[in-house]
């Protein structure tokens, strides 16, 4: 997802990236930290949003709004590969956060059905 990543973003085929809002910055995407899901330690987030493709930036916007307006901490999972799907990262987010939603751009199928 080029809008939210660059050459310094950790990447591993088949493994999700965790994106966390870290506070206001001059450039929107710079306000977020990216890590491989396997390198991430639970921070007690209130919820997780799972997204892929163009929906990742919308999930990041939602995380920003949830923090600014409701003081809710949100873990965003960037599922940059759906096959293979990082089932471990999804299960860990559900276990850690309790509330998991998917951000998608279509009506039928997709991450919500996996």
N, C-alpha and C. Protein backbone atom coordinates (compact mmCIF):
# COMPACT_ATOMS: atom_id res chain seq x y z
N UNK A 1 0.85 -1.17 0.00
CA UNK A 1 0.00 0.00 0.00
C UNK A 1 0.90 1.24 0.00
N UNK A 2 1.26 1.75 -1.16
CA UNK A 2 2.24 2.83 -1.26
C UNK A 2 1.88 4.10 -0.51
N UNK A 3 0.61 4.39 -0.32
CA UNK A 3 0.22 5.61 0.36
C UNK A 3 0.69 5.62 1.81
N UNK A 4 0.77 4.44 2.43
CA UNK A 4 1.09 4.37 3.85
C UNK A 4 2.44 3.73 4.15
N UNK A 5 3.13 3.25 3.13
CA UNK A 5 4.42 2.61 3.36
C UNK A 5 5.49 3.25 2.49
N UNK A 6 6.73 2.97 2.85
CA UNK A 6 7.85 3.41 2.03
C UNK A 6 8.96 2.36 2.15
N UNK A 7 10.13 2.66 1.64
CA UNK A 7 11.22 1.69 1.63
C UNK A 7 11.67 1.26 3.03
N UNK A 8 11.39 2.07 4.04
CA UNK A 8 11.82 1.73 5.39
C UNK A 8 10.80 0.87 6.15
N UNK A 9 9.62 0.65 5.57
CA UNK A 9 8.58 -0.14 6.23
C UNK A 9 8.95 -1.62 6.21
N UNK A 10 8.88 -2.26 7.37
CA UNK A 10 9.16 -3.69 7.46
C UNK A 10 8.17 -4.45 6.60
N UNK A 11 8.66 -5.49 5.92
CA UNK A 11 7.80 -6.27 5.05
C UNK A 11 8.26 -7.72 5.07
N UNK A 12 7.30 -8.62 5.17
CA UNK A 12 7.56 -10.05 5.05
C UNK A 12 6.35 -10.67 4.37
N UNK A 13 6.58 -11.41 3.30
CA UNK A 13 5.51 -12.03 2.53
C UNK A 13 4.63 -12.87 3.46
N UNK A 14 3.33 -12.64 3.42
CA UNK A 14 2.38 -13.42 4.19
C UNK A 14 2.21 -12.99 5.63
N UNK A 15 2.91 -11.94 6.05
CA UNK A 15 2.79 -11.47 7.43
C UNK A 15 2.26 -10.04 7.44
N UNK A 16 1.23 -9.83 8.23
CA UNK A 16 0.60 -8.50 8.33
C UNK A 16 1.53 -7.50 9.00
N UNK A 17 1.28 -6.23 8.72
CA UNK A 17 1.93 -5.15 9.44
C UNK A 17 0.94 -4.57 10.44
N UNK A 18 1.43 -4.26 11.63
CA UNK A 18 0.62 -3.55 12.62
C UNK A 18 0.95 -2.07 12.48
N UNK A 19 -0.09 -1.25 12.41
CA UNK A 19 0.08 0.20 12.28
C UNK A 19 -0.56 0.85 13.50
N UNK A 20 0.20 1.70 14.20
CA UNK A 20 -0.30 2.36 15.41
C UNK A 20 -0.13 3.87 15.31
N UNK A 21 -1.18 4.60 15.66
CA UNK A 21 -1.14 6.06 15.72
C UNK A 21 -0.28 6.45 16.91
N UNK A 22 0.69 7.34 16.70
CA UNK A 22 1.62 7.72 17.76
C UNK A 22 1.55 9.19 18.13
N UNK A 23 0.67 9.94 17.52
CA UNK A 23 0.54 11.36 17.87
C UNK A 23 0.66 12.24 16.64
N UNK A 24 0.20 13.45 16.78
CA UNK A 24 0.17 14.41 15.67
C UNK A 24 1.55 14.65 15.06
N UNK A 25 1.59 14.71 13.75
CA UNK A 25 2.79 15.05 12.98
C UNK A 25 2.36 15.97 11.84
N UNK A 26 3.32 16.62 11.21
CA UNK A 26 3.02 17.50 10.10
C UNK A 26 2.45 16.77 8.90
N UNK A 27 2.89 15.55 8.67
CA UNK A 27 2.41 14.71 7.57
C UNK A 27 1.63 13.55 8.18
N UNK A 28 0.41 13.33 7.70
CA UNK A 28 -0.49 12.34 8.29
C UNK A 28 0.17 10.98 8.48
N UNK A 29 0.78 10.42 7.42
CA UNK A 29 1.33 9.07 7.52
C UNK A 29 2.50 8.98 8.49
N UNK A 30 3.17 10.10 8.76
CA UNK A 30 4.29 10.09 9.71
C UNK A 30 3.83 9.97 11.16
N UNK A 31 2.54 10.12 11.41
CA UNK A 31 2.00 10.00 12.76
C UNK A 31 1.80 8.55 13.17
N UNK A 32 2.15 7.63 12.27
CA UNK A 32 1.91 6.21 12.51
C UNK A 32 3.22 5.43 12.50
N UNK A 33 3.25 4.38 13.32
CA UNK A 33 4.40 3.48 13.37
C UNK A 33 3.99 2.15 12.77
N UNK A 34 4.87 1.55 11.98
CA UNK A 34 4.61 0.27 11.32
C UNK A 34 5.56 -0.78 11.87
N UNK A 35 5.04 -1.97 12.15
CA UNK A 35 5.86 -3.10 12.57
C UNK A 35 5.29 -4.38 12.01
N UNK A 36 6.16 -5.38 11.81
CA UNK A 36 5.66 -6.70 11.46
C UNK A 36 4.83 -7.22 12.63
N UNK A 37 3.77 -7.95 12.34
CA UNK A 37 2.91 -8.48 13.39
C UNK A 37 3.69 -9.36 14.36
N UNK A 38 4.67 -10.12 13.85
CA UNK A 38 5.45 -11.01 14.71
C UNK A 38 6.35 -10.24 15.67
N UNK A 39 6.64 -8.98 15.37
CA UNK A 39 7.49 -8.15 16.23
C UNK A 39 6.67 -7.26 17.16
N UNK A 40 5.36 -7.38 17.11
CA UNK A 40 4.49 -6.47 17.85
C UNK A 40 4.12 -7.05 19.21
N UNK A 41 4.14 -6.22 20.23
CA UNK A 41 3.72 -6.61 21.57
C UNK A 41 2.43 -5.88 21.90
N UNK A 42 1.49 -6.60 22.47
CA UNK A 42 0.19 -6.04 22.83
C UNK A 42 0.35 -4.76 23.65
N UNK A 43 -0.39 -3.73 23.26
CA UNK A 43 -0.37 -2.46 23.98
C UNK A 43 -1.72 -2.15 24.62
N UNK A 44 -2.57 -3.17 24.72
CA UNK A 44 -3.87 -2.98 25.37
C UNK A 44 -4.85 -2.13 24.59
N UNK A 45 -4.83 -2.25 23.27
CA UNK A 45 -5.74 -1.46 22.44
C UNK A 45 -7.19 -1.84 22.73
N UNK A 46 -8.07 -0.89 22.46
CA UNK A 46 -9.50 -1.09 22.66
C UNK A 46 -10.13 -1.88 21.52
N UNK A 47 -9.54 -1.80 20.34
CA UNK A 47 -10.11 -2.48 19.18
C UNK A 47 -9.04 -2.65 18.10
N UNK A 48 -9.36 -3.49 17.12
CA UNK A 48 -8.48 -3.68 15.96
C UNK A 48 -9.30 -3.49 14.69
N UNK A 49 -8.68 -2.89 13.70
CA UNK A 49 -9.28 -2.76 12.37
C UNK A 49 -8.38 -3.50 11.40
N UNK A 50 -8.96 -4.44 10.66
CA UNK A 50 -8.21 -5.20 9.66
C UNK A 50 -8.57 -4.66 8.29
N UNK A 51 -7.56 -4.35 7.50
CA UNK A 51 -7.81 -3.76 6.18
C UNK A 51 -6.75 -4.21 5.19
N UNK A 52 -7.07 -4.05 3.92
CA UNK A 52 -6.08 -4.32 2.87
C UNK A 52 -6.29 -3.31 1.74
N UNK A 53 -5.23 -3.10 0.98
CA UNK A 53 -5.31 -2.20 -0.17
C UNK A 53 -5.70 -0.78 0.20
N UNK A 54 -6.58 -0.16 -0.60
CA UNK A 54 -6.96 1.23 -0.38
C UNK A 54 -7.69 1.47 0.94
N UNK A 55 -8.21 0.42 1.55
CA UNK A 55 -8.92 0.57 2.82
C UNK A 55 -7.99 0.81 4.00
N UNK A 56 -6.68 0.55 3.82
CA UNK A 56 -5.74 0.74 4.93
C UNK A 56 -5.68 2.21 5.34
N UNK A 57 -5.62 3.11 4.40
CA UNK A 57 -5.55 4.53 4.74
C UNK A 57 -6.83 4.97 5.45
N UNK A 58 -7.96 4.40 5.06
CA UNK A 58 -9.23 4.72 5.74
C UNK A 58 -9.22 4.18 7.17
N UNK A 59 -8.65 3.00 7.36
CA UNK A 59 -8.52 2.44 8.72
C UNK A 59 -7.61 3.31 9.57
N UNK A 60 -6.55 3.84 8.97
CA UNK A 60 -5.66 4.75 9.70
C UNK A 60 -6.39 6.03 10.08
N UNK A 61 -7.21 6.56 9.17
CA UNK A 61 -8.01 7.75 9.49
C UNK A 61 -8.96 7.46 10.65
N UNK A 62 -9.58 6.28 10.60
CA UNK A 62 -10.49 5.89 11.68
C UNK A 62 -9.75 5.80 13.01
N UNK A 63 -8.55 5.22 13.00
CA UNK A 63 -7.75 5.12 14.23
C UNK A 63 -7.44 6.51 14.78
N UNK A 64 -7.11 7.43 13.89
CA UNK A 64 -6.82 8.81 14.30
C UNK A 64 -8.05 9.46 14.93
N UNK A 65 -9.20 9.32 14.27
CA UNK A 65 -10.45 9.90 14.78
C UNK A 65 -10.84 9.27 16.11
N UNK A 66 -10.74 7.95 16.21
CA UNK A 66 -11.09 7.27 17.45
C UNK A 66 -10.23 7.74 18.62
N UNK A 67 -8.96 8.00 18.36
CA UNK A 67 -8.07 8.50 19.41
C UNK A 67 -8.39 9.94 19.77
N UNK A 68 -8.54 10.79 18.75
CA UNK A 68 -8.76 12.21 18.97
C UNK A 68 -10.11 12.51 19.63
N UNK A 69 -11.15 11.83 19.18
CA UNK A 69 -12.50 12.17 19.64
C UNK A 69 -13.01 11.32 20.79
N UNK A 70 -12.49 10.07 20.91
CA UNK A 70 -13.02 9.17 21.93
C UNK A 70 -11.94 8.57 22.83
N UNK A 71 -10.69 8.97 22.61
CA UNK A 71 -9.55 8.45 23.36
C UNK A 71 -9.46 6.93 23.33
N UNK A 72 -9.82 6.33 22.20
CA UNK A 72 -9.73 4.88 22.01
C UNK A 72 -8.44 4.54 21.27
N UNK A 73 -7.73 3.55 21.76
CA UNK A 73 -6.52 3.06 21.09
C UNK A 73 -6.92 1.98 20.10
N UNK A 74 -6.38 2.06 18.89
CA UNK A 74 -6.76 1.14 17.82
C UNK A 74 -5.53 0.54 17.17
N UNK A 75 -5.56 -0.77 16.99
CA UNK A 75 -4.53 -1.48 16.24
C UNK A 75 -5.04 -1.67 14.82
N UNK A 76 -4.29 -1.21 13.83
CA UNK A 76 -4.65 -1.42 12.44
C UNK A 76 -3.77 -2.54 11.90
N UNK A 77 -4.39 -3.56 11.32
CA UNK A 77 -3.65 -4.64 10.67
C UNK A 77 -3.71 -4.43 9.17
N UNK A 78 -2.56 -4.20 8.56
CA UNK A 78 -2.46 -4.07 7.11
C UNK A 78 -2.21 -5.46 6.54
N UNK A 79 -3.25 -6.05 5.97
CA UNK A 79 -3.14 -7.38 5.37
C UNK A 79 -2.71 -7.22 3.92
N UNK A 80 -1.45 -6.88 3.73
CA UNK A 80 -0.95 -6.61 2.37
C UNK A 80 -0.93 -7.86 1.51
N UNK A 81 -0.99 -9.04 2.11
CA UNK A 81 -1.19 -10.27 1.35
C UNK A 81 -2.40 -10.99 1.95
N UNK A 82 -3.34 -11.37 1.10
CA UNK A 82 -4.52 -12.10 1.56
C UNK A 82 -4.31 -13.59 1.36
N UNK A 83 -3.50 -13.95 0.39
CA UNK A 83 -3.08 -15.33 0.18
C UNK A 83 -1.57 -15.34 0.10
N UNK A 84 -0.86 -15.78 1.10
CA UNK A 84 -1.38 -16.39 2.33
C UNK A 84 -1.89 -15.33 3.31
N UNK A 85 -2.91 -15.71 4.04
CA UNK A 85 -3.51 -14.84 5.04
C UNK A 85 -2.78 -15.02 6.37
N UNK A 86 -2.48 -13.93 7.04
CA UNK A 86 -1.81 -14.00 8.34
C UNK A 86 -2.85 -14.27 9.43
N UNK A 87 -3.26 -15.53 9.52
CA UNK A 87 -4.28 -15.93 10.49
C UNK A 87 -3.81 -15.71 11.93
N UNK A 88 -2.53 -15.89 12.16
CA UNK A 88 -1.99 -15.72 13.50
C UNK A 88 -2.17 -14.27 13.98
N UNK A 89 -1.91 -13.30 13.11
CA UNK A 89 -2.07 -11.88 13.48
C UNK A 89 -3.53 -11.55 13.76
N UNK A 90 -4.45 -12.13 12.98
CA UNK A 90 -5.87 -11.90 13.19
C UNK A 90 -6.30 -12.48 14.53
N UNK A 91 -5.90 -13.72 14.80
CA UNK A 91 -6.26 -14.38 16.07
C UNK A 91 -5.68 -13.61 17.26
N UNK A 92 -4.46 -13.13 17.12
CA UNK A 92 -3.83 -12.38 18.21
C UNK A 92 -4.55 -11.06 18.46
N UNK A 93 -4.95 -10.39 17.39
CA UNK A 93 -5.70 -9.13 17.54
C UNK A 93 -7.03 -9.38 18.24
N UNK A 94 -7.72 -10.46 17.87
CA UNK A 94 -9.00 -10.79 18.51
C UNK A 94 -8.80 -11.09 19.99
N UNK A 95 -7.75 -11.83 20.29
CA UNK A 95 -7.45 -12.18 21.68
C UNK A 95 -7.08 -10.94 22.50
N UNK A 96 -6.22 -10.11 21.94
CA UNK A 96 -5.72 -8.93 22.65
C UNK A 96 -6.77 -7.83 22.79
N UNK A 97 -7.52 -7.58 21.72
CA UNK A 97 -8.40 -6.41 21.68
C UNK A 97 -9.86 -6.71 22.00
N UNK A 98 -10.32 -7.90 21.66
CA UNK A 98 -11.71 -8.25 21.91
C UNK A 98 -12.66 -7.77 20.83
N UNK A 99 -12.44 -6.59 20.29
CA UNK A 99 -13.29 -6.04 19.23
C UNK A 99 -12.45 -5.96 17.96
N UNK A 100 -12.93 -6.62 16.90
CA UNK A 100 -12.24 -6.61 15.61
C UNK A 100 -13.25 -6.27 14.53
N UNK A 101 -12.91 -5.30 13.68
CA UNK A 101 -13.74 -4.97 12.53
C UNK A 101 -12.88 -5.00 11.28
N UNK A 102 -13.51 -5.19 10.14
CA UNK A 102 -12.78 -5.12 8.87
C UNK A 102 -13.22 -3.88 8.12
N UNK A 103 -12.28 -3.27 7.42
CA UNK A 103 -12.57 -2.12 6.56
C UNK A 103 -12.38 -2.59 5.13
N UNK A 104 -13.46 -2.58 4.37
CA UNK A 104 -13.41 -3.11 3.01
C UNK A 104 -14.17 -2.19 2.06
N UNK A 105 -13.96 -2.41 0.76
CA UNK A 105 -14.58 -1.53 -0.23
C UNK A 105 -15.55 -2.26 -1.15
N UNK A 106 -16.14 -3.34 -0.66
CA UNK A 106 -17.10 -4.08 -1.47
C UNK A 106 -18.17 -4.69 -0.57
N UNK A 107 -19.19 -5.31 -1.16
CA UNK A 107 -20.32 -5.80 -0.38
C UNK A 107 -20.20 -7.26 0.05
N UNK A 108 -19.73 -8.13 -0.83
CA UNK A 108 -19.77 -9.56 -0.57
C UNK A 108 -18.35 -10.14 -0.59
N UNK A 109 -18.10 -11.08 0.32
CA UNK A 109 -16.80 -11.73 0.36
C UNK A 109 -15.78 -10.86 1.07
N UNK A 110 -14.52 -11.16 0.86
CA UNK A 110 -13.45 -10.35 1.43
C UNK A 110 -13.00 -10.79 2.81
N UNK A 111 -12.33 -9.90 3.51
CA UNK A 111 -11.74 -10.22 4.80
C UNK A 111 -12.78 -10.65 5.83
N UNK A 112 -13.94 -10.04 5.81
CA UNK A 112 -14.98 -10.39 6.77
C UNK A 112 -15.47 -11.82 6.66
N UNK A 113 -15.30 -12.43 5.50
CA UNK A 113 -15.72 -13.81 5.29
C UNK A 113 -14.61 -14.82 5.56
N UNK A 114 -13.38 -14.33 5.75
CA UNK A 114 -12.27 -15.25 5.95
C UNK A 114 -12.24 -15.67 7.36
